[in-house]
Structure formats: C-alpha cells, structure tokens
Amino acid sequence: MLEQIKETILEALPDATVYVADPNNDGQHFEALVVSPTFEGLSLVKQHQMVMNAMKEKFETTVHAMALKTFAPSKWESEKHKFNVN
C-alpha cells in the first residue's frame, strides 16, 4: 500500500519527492511527506489540497487516514533536519 500511495501522489505531482510510512503497521493510517517545486508560492492549505485531491479515490476505498507534511524545496532545505527520511 505504501508504494501505491506514493505512485498516486507522483501521478499528480511528477516532480515531487515522496516519502510514505505506515507508523502503526495497520495498513490504514499513513504518513506522507511530499516535497515539490510545484508548491513554491502556494499556501500550506493549497499544497495539502493538491495531495489530498490526488488521494481522493484511495480514501474512498483503502486509506482511512493520512498525516501529511508538504514542503516547497526551499522550505524543505531548512526543515529536513527535523525528519528521519531516507
């Protein structure tokens, strides 16, 4: 499911770097971190709407909840030290 979520987000934002985790290992509650140049100049709400709109079908079928963090590359550079991503 992690790869499916990542692919779904990348379909909407092909220039993005996407990290997805299932911290509870329950297959229903996920965390996604998305870094995309498309987010430059957009509000956090607009960034989240772009990702959540891409995920709409998954929420109707398989995903119960997803915590979301989004960043434009310029913001990511100053924030990435706070996250443990590979």
Protein backbone atom coordinates (compact mmCIF):
# COMPACT_ATOMS: atom_id res chain seq x y z
CA MET A 1 0.00 0.00 0.00
CA LEU A 2 2.88 2.39 0.71
CA GLU A 3 4.06 2.17 -2.89
CA GLN A 4 0.51 2.65 -4.20
CA ILE A 5 0.12 5.85 -2.17
CA LYS A 6 3.48 7.11 -3.39
CA GLU A 7 2.59 6.36 -7.01
CA THR A 8 -0.79 8.07 -6.66
CA ILE A 9 0.84 11.24 -5.36
CA LEU A 10 3.51 11.12 -8.07
CA GLU A 11 0.84 10.87 -10.77
CA ALA A 12 -0.48 14.26 -9.64
CA LEU A 13 2.93 15.73 -8.81
CA PRO A 14 5.52 14.02 -11.02
CA ASP A 15 8.27 16.41 -9.93
CA ALA A 16 7.81 15.55 -6.25
CA THR A 17 9.90 13.60 -3.80
CA VAL A 18 7.52 11.47 -1.74
CA TYR A 19 8.06 9.55 1.49
CA VAL A 20 5.24 7.36 2.84
CA ALA A 21 5.13 5.43 6.11
CA ASP A 22 2.67 3.22 7.99
CA PRO A 23 3.76 4.03 11.56
CA ASN A 24 1.13 1.80 13.20
CA ASN A 25 1.63 -1.08 10.76
CA ASP A 26 -2.14 -1.32 10.45
CA GLY A 27 -2.47 -0.71 6.71
CA GLN A 28 -4.98 2.10 7.25
CA HIS A 29 -3.20 5.04 8.92
CA PHE A 30 -0.37 6.54 6.92
CA GLU A 31 2.05 9.44 6.98
CA ALA A 32 3.22 11.18 3.82
CA LEU A 33 5.89 13.79 3.34
CA VAL A 34 5.86 15.48 -0.06
CA VAL A 35 8.47 17.91 -1.40
CA SER A 36 7.63 19.54 -4.73
CA PRO A 37 8.69 22.62 -6.71
CA THR A 38 5.01 22.91 -7.63
CA PHE A 39 4.39 24.05 -4.04
CA GLU A 40 6.58 27.18 -4.39
CA GLY A 41 4.47 30.21 -3.57
CA LEU A 42 1.40 28.19 -2.58
CA SER A 43 -0.17 28.28 0.85
CA LEU A 44 0.06 25.18 3.02
CA VAL A 45 -3.68 24.66 2.52
CA LYS A 46 -3.29 24.67 -1.28
CA GLN A 47 -0.36 22.25 -1.04
CA HIS A 48 -2.38 19.85 1.08
CA GLN A 49 -5.40 20.15 -1.22
CA MET A 50 -3.27 19.13 -4.21
CA VAL A 51 -2.11 15.96 -2.45
CA MET A 52 -5.46 15.11 -0.89
CA ASN A 53 -7.29 15.57 -4.22
CA ALA A 54 -4.88 13.07 -5.76
CA MET A 55 -5.64 10.66 -2.90
CA LYS A 56 -9.45 11.01 -3.09
CA GLU A 57 -10.06 7.57 -4.60
CA LYS A 58 -7.76 5.86 -2.08
CA PHE A 59 -9.69 7.45 0.79
CA GLU A 60 -12.92 6.07 -0.64
CA THR A 61 -11.54 2.53 -0.76
CA THR A 62 -8.43 1.65 1.23
CA VAL A 63 -6.89 4.55 3.18
CA HIS A 64 -8.55 5.53 6.44
CA ALA A 65 -6.28 8.42 7.46
CA MET A 66 -3.09 10.12 6.33
CA ALA A 67 -0.98 12.64 8.20
CA LEU A 68 0.53 14.98 5.65
CA LYS A 69 3.56 17.26 5.57
CA THR A 70 4.27 19.26 2.42
CA PHE A 71 7.21 21.47 1.51
CA ALA A 72 8.49 23.52 -1.37
CA PRO A 73 12.20 22.68 -1.93
CA SER A 74 13.36 25.99 -0.43
CA LYS A 75 11.43 25.34 2.78
CA TRP A 76 12.49 21.67 2.84
CA GLU A 77 16.17 22.64 2.90
CA SER A 78 15.67 24.48 6.18
CA GLU A 79 13.36 21.83 7.71
CA LYS A 80 14.68 18.45 6.59
CA HIS A 81 16.96 18.07 9.60
CA LYS A 82 13.78 17.57 11.68
CA PHE A 83 12.78 14.43 9.77
CA ASN A 84 14.24 10.95 9.59
CA VAL A 85 13.81 10.17 5.87
CA ASN A 86 15.98 8.12 3.57
